[in-house]
Amino acid sequence: MIKNQTKNIYSNKHRLASFCKQQRIVLLGSTGVGKTSLTTRWCYDEMSDQTVSTIFADEHGKDVRLKRSNVSVSILDVSAIRHDDDDDLAMMTEHYSYIRKGEAFMCVFSIVDSNSFQIMDKLRTEIIRIRHEFDYETRPPPMILVGNKSDLSSQRTISKEMANKLADQWNCIYVETSAKDDHNVSAAFKTIGTLLYKWKKKMLKRQCVNWKHIRRNDCTVV
């Protein structure tokens, strides 16, 4: 019996260590807001001049250091979400699949595009609904609001006050970025990565009866 218990603990601690060191972050928003540019800037330190909309999703990866741990981050740059004729979100089956796969979300709008900002509330509602149906988690997943294209601030149609007010309503962090100028791009990804790390830590504390043992090995929380 003791041998079996030891084997189970050994298996669980390695499974949970892997759980801590893997992240799946999904970028969602309207067409042309710069999701691909943000992703390529952060992952490859390149500025994407891509003008063709992403079809379904592109996946990118990067290894980073978070909370003194090496973390492998998978970024899903998902195709644009639009309004339909009834002013609801026109989401494809693929969008639901990517939201179910995601663990944390960056809701991206352009500060020079009012329409891209107007869908943010409905987008957040859909993310929470789909995640709730998928894993029965009643709390919203880790999420931040990102206003991209701050290099065009002279043309902005969405003020910082408007964006911060929405972020306050969501109880989340607002980050204003420019993929072109590489302004706050790393800060945005580090913010969502840290939030996800902490969220996973809380999940493990709730679910693992052997937490005191686990915290002494590779899944140490600092």
Protein backbone atom coordinates (compact mmCIF):
# COMPACT_ATOMS: atom_id res chain seq x y z
CA MET A 1 0.00 0.00 0.00
CA ILE A 2 2.78 2.46 0.93
CA LYS A 3 4.64 1.58 -2.26
CA ASN A 4 1.52 2.34 -4.35
CA GLN A 5 0.96 5.66 -2.55
CA THR A 6 4.58 6.67 -3.17
CA LYS A 7 4.23 5.76 -6.83
CA ASN A 8 1.05 7.85 -7.13
CA ILE A 9 2.68 10.87 -5.47
CA TYR A 10 5.71 10.54 -7.74
CA SER A 11 3.44 10.40 -10.81
CA ASN A 12 1.29 13.32 -9.64
CA LYS A 13 4.20 15.62 -8.82
CA HIS A 14 5.69 15.21 -12.30
CA ARG A 15 2.32 15.66 -13.97
CA LEU A 16 1.70 18.82 -11.97
CA ALA A 17 5.22 20.11 -12.57
CA SER A 18 4.53 19.85 -16.29
CA PHE A 19 1.18 21.56 -15.75
CA CYS A 20 2.97 24.50 -14.12
CA LYS A 21 5.54 24.82 -16.88
CA GLN A 22 3.19 24.81 -19.86
CA GLN A 23 0.99 27.76 -20.83
CA ARG A 24 -1.55 28.28 -23.62
CA ILE A 25 -2.42 31.91 -24.25
CA VAL A 26 -5.04 32.91 -26.84
CA LEU A 27 -5.20 36.29 -28.61
CA LEU A 28 -8.71 37.31 -29.68
CA GLY A 29 -10.12 40.40 -31.34
CA SER A 30 -11.37 41.99 -34.57
CA THR A 31 -9.57 42.02 -37.88
CA GLY A 32 -6.70 44.46 -38.26
CA VAL A 33 -6.08 45.12 -34.56
CA GLY A 34 -2.55 43.70 -34.70
CA LYS A 35 -2.78 40.31 -32.99
CA THR A 36 -0.30 38.77 -35.42
CA SER A 37 2.05 41.76 -35.13
CA LEU A 38 2.02 41.50 -31.33
CA THR A 39 2.72 37.78 -31.50
CA THR A 40 5.62 37.98 -33.97
CA ARG A 41 7.11 40.96 -32.15
CA TRP A 42 7.17 39.08 -28.85
CA CYS A 43 8.13 35.64 -30.15
CA TYR A 44 10.68 36.62 -32.79
CA ASP A 45 11.37 40.33 -32.21
CA GLU A 46 10.06 41.00 -35.70
CA MET A 47 7.39 43.37 -36.97
CA SER A 48 4.85 41.59 -39.14
CA ASP A 49 3.69 43.51 -42.21
CA GLN A 50 1.02 40.90 -42.82
CA THR A 51 -2.16 42.41 -44.24
CA VAL A 52 -4.01 39.15 -44.93
CA SER A 53 -6.23 38.07 -42.06
CA THR A 54 -5.26 34.95 -40.13
CA ILE A 55 -7.26 31.89 -41.21
CA PHE A 56 -8.38 29.81 -38.21
CA ALA A 57 -5.24 30.17 -36.03
CA ASP A 58 -1.46 30.33 -36.09
CA GLU A 59 0.46 28.81 -33.19
CA HIS A 60 3.77 30.17 -31.95
CA GLY A 61 5.97 29.27 -29.00
CA LYS A 62 8.50 30.85 -26.69
CA ASP A 63 10.39 29.74 -23.59
CA VAL A 64 10.45 32.36 -20.84
CA ARG A 65 11.44 32.76 -17.20
CA LEU A 66 8.50 33.36 -14.86
CA LYS A 67 8.66 33.38 -11.08
CA ARG A 68 12.10 31.73 -11.16
CA SER A 69 10.73 28.88 -13.30
CA ASN A 70 11.33 28.03 -16.95
CA VAL A 71 7.96 28.15 -18.70
CA SER A 72 7.07 27.10 -22.24
CA VAL A 73 4.41 29.45 -23.64
CA SER A 74 2.22 28.51 -26.59
CA ILE A 75 0.52 31.47 -28.31
CA LEU A 76 -2.61 30.96 -30.38
CA ASP A 77 -3.17 33.88 -32.77
CA VAL A 78 -6.82 33.28 -33.66
CA SER A 79 -8.68 34.53 -36.74
CA ALA A 80 -10.72 37.72 -36.43
CA ILE A 81 -14.10 37.83 -34.72
CA ARG A 82 -16.75 40.05 -36.29
CA HIS A 83 -20.28 41.27 -35.66
CA ASP A 84 -23.05 39.50 -37.56
CA ASP A 85 -26.21 41.11 -38.93
CA ASP A 86 -27.88 41.01 -35.51
CA ASP A 87 -24.89 42.76 -33.88
CA ASP A 88 -23.88 39.54 -32.15
CA LEU A 89 -20.43 38.01 -32.43
CA ALA A 90 -19.93 36.02 -35.63
CA MET A 91 -17.87 33.15 -34.22
CA MET A 92 -16.94 30.02 -36.12
CA THR A 93 -16.73 26.51 -34.71
CA GLU A 94 -12.96 26.90 -34.67
CA HIS A 95 -13.20 29.87 -32.28
CA TYR A 96 -14.99 27.71 -29.72
CA SER A 97 -12.32 25.03 -30.06
CA TYR A 98 -9.47 27.48 -29.49
CA ILE A 99 -11.20 29.09 -26.51
CA ARG A 100 -11.68 25.66 -24.94
CA LYS A 101 -7.98 24.90 -25.49
CA GLY A 102 -6.83 28.22 -24.07
CA GLU A 103 -5.85 28.82 -20.47
CA ALA A 104 -5.49 32.61 -20.55
CA PHE A 105 -6.70 35.29 -22.93
CA MET A 106 -5.57 38.60 -24.37
CA CYS A 107 -8.57 40.56 -25.66
CA VAL A 108 -7.05 42.91 -28.24
CA PHE A 109 -8.55 46.03 -29.81
CA SER A 110 -7.08 48.93 -31.76
CA ILE A 111 -7.16 52.37 -30.14
CA VAL A 112 -7.95 53.83 -33.58
CA ASP A 113 -10.89 51.48 -34.29
CA SER A 114 -14.04 52.03 -32.24
CA ASN A 115 -15.73 48.92 -33.64
CA SER A 116 -12.91 46.70 -32.40
CA PHE A 117 -13.41 48.10 -28.89
CA GLN A 118 -17.19 47.71 -28.95
CA ILE A 119 -17.04 43.92 -29.25
CA MET A 120 -14.78 43.50 -26.20
CA ASP A 121 -17.58 43.09 -23.66
CA LYS A 122 -19.40 40.48 -25.73
CA LEU A 123 -16.11 38.71 -26.42
CA ARG A 124 -15.33 38.42 -22.73
CA THR A 125 -18.84 37.10 -22.04
CA GLU A 126 -18.41 34.41 -24.69
CA ILE A 127 -15.00 33.38 -23.36
CA ILE A 128 -16.39 32.93 -19.84
CA ARG A 129 -19.47 31.06 -21.10
CA ILE A 130 -17.49 28.66 -23.27
CA ARG A 131 -14.89 28.02 -20.57
CA HIS A 132 -17.63 27.41 -18.02
CA GLU A 133 -19.30 24.85 -20.29
CA PHE A 134 -15.96 23.16 -20.94
CA ASP A 135 -14.42 22.82 -17.48
CA TYR A 136 -17.13 23.97 -15.04
CA GLU A 137 -14.82 26.68 -13.73
CA THR A 138 -17.13 29.38 -12.38
CA ARG A 139 -14.46 32.09 -12.11
CA PRO A 140 -13.30 33.97 -15.23
CA PRO A 141 -10.01 32.63 -16.62
CA PRO A 142 -6.91 34.87 -16.55
CA MET A 143 -7.55 37.71 -18.97
CA ILE A 144 -6.17 41.15 -19.86
CA LEU A 145 -7.42 43.94 -22.09
CA VAL A 146 -4.91 45.16 -24.69
CA GLY A 147 -5.20 48.39 -26.67
CA ASN A 148 -2.78 48.12 -29.59
CA LYS A 149 -1.37 50.75 -32.00
CA SER A 150 -0.37 53.32 -29.40
CA ASP A 151 2.04 54.67 -32.05
CA LEU A 152 -1.10 56.16 -33.67
CA SER A 153 -2.19 57.95 -30.49
CA SER A 154 -2.85 61.19 -32.42
CA GLN A 155 -5.59 59.30 -34.31
CA ARG A 156 -7.06 57.47 -31.34
CA THR A 157 -10.82 57.06 -31.07
CA ILE A 158 -10.68 55.11 -27.80
CA SER A 159 -9.29 57.08 -24.86
CA LYS A 160 -7.28 55.55 -22.05
CA GLU A 161 -10.11 56.53 -19.70
CA MET A 162 -12.61 54.45 -21.71
CA ALA A 163 -10.29 51.45 -21.79
CA ASN A 164 -9.42 51.68 -18.11
CA LYS A 165 -13.10 51.97 -17.22
CA LEU A 166 -13.85 48.73 -19.09
CA ALA A 167 -10.86 47.00 -17.47
CA ASP A 168 -12.12 48.09 -14.05
CA GLN A 169 -15.52 46.56 -14.87
CA TRP A 170 -13.78 43.33 -15.81
CA ASN A 171 -11.52 43.52 -12.76
CA CYS A 172 -8.53 43.03 -15.03
CA ILE A 173 -5.39 44.83 -16.19
CA TYR A 174 -5.31 47.16 -19.21
CA VAL A 175 -2.11 47.42 -21.23
CA GLU A 176 -1.59 49.81 -24.14
CA THR A 177 0.88 48.52 -26.72
CA SER A 178 2.52 49.23 -30.05
CA ALA A 179 3.83 46.27 -31.99
CA LYS A 180 5.42 48.69 -34.45
CA ASP A 181 7.43 50.55 -31.77
CA ASP A 182 7.78 47.49 -29.52
CA HIS A 183 6.09 49.45 -26.73
CA ASN A 184 4.79 47.38 -23.80
CA VAL A 185 4.61 44.20 -25.91
CA SER A 186 6.79 42.17 -23.54
CA ALA A 187 4.98 43.74 -20.58
CA ALA A 188 1.62 42.56 -21.92
CA PHE A 189 2.74 38.96 -22.41
CA LYS A 190 4.59 38.90 -19.09
CA THR A 191 1.47 40.22 -17.36
CA ILE A 192 -0.82 37.53 -18.73
CA GLY A 193 1.82 34.85 -18.16
CA THR A 194 2.23 35.84 -14.52
CA LEU A 195 -1.54 35.91 -14.00
CA LEU A 196 -1.81 32.42 -15.47
CA TYR A 197 1.04 31.16 -13.30
CA LYS A 198 -0.71 32.42 -10.17
CA TRP A 199 -4.06 31.06 -11.37
CA LYS A 200 -2.55 27.60 -11.82
CA LYS A 201 -0.98 27.80 -8.39
CA LYS A 202 -4.39 28.46 -6.83
CA MET A 203 -5.94 25.65 -8.85
CA LEU A 204 -3.33 23.20 -7.61
CA LYS A 205 -3.85 24.31 -4.03
CA ARG A 206 -7.55 23.61 -4.35
CA GLN A 207 -7.21 20.27 -6.12
CA CYS A 208 -4.12 18.62 -4.67
CA VAL A 209 -4.30 17.01 -1.25
CA ASN A 210 -0.54 16.48 -1.33
CA TRP A 211 0.31 20.17 -1.83
CA LYS A 212 2.86 20.29 0.98
CA HIS A 213 4.81 17.54 -0.73
CA ILE A 214 4.50 19.03 -4.24
CA ARG A 215 5.73 22.49 -3.28
CA ARG A 216 9.13 20.99 -2.37
CA ASN A 217 9.89 19.80 -5.91
CA ASP A 218 9.86 21.08 -9.49
CA CYS A 219 6.46 22.75 -9.13
CA THR A 220 7.58 25.03 -6.33
CA VAL A 221 5.51 28.22 -6.14
CA VAL A 222 7.38 31.40 -5.23
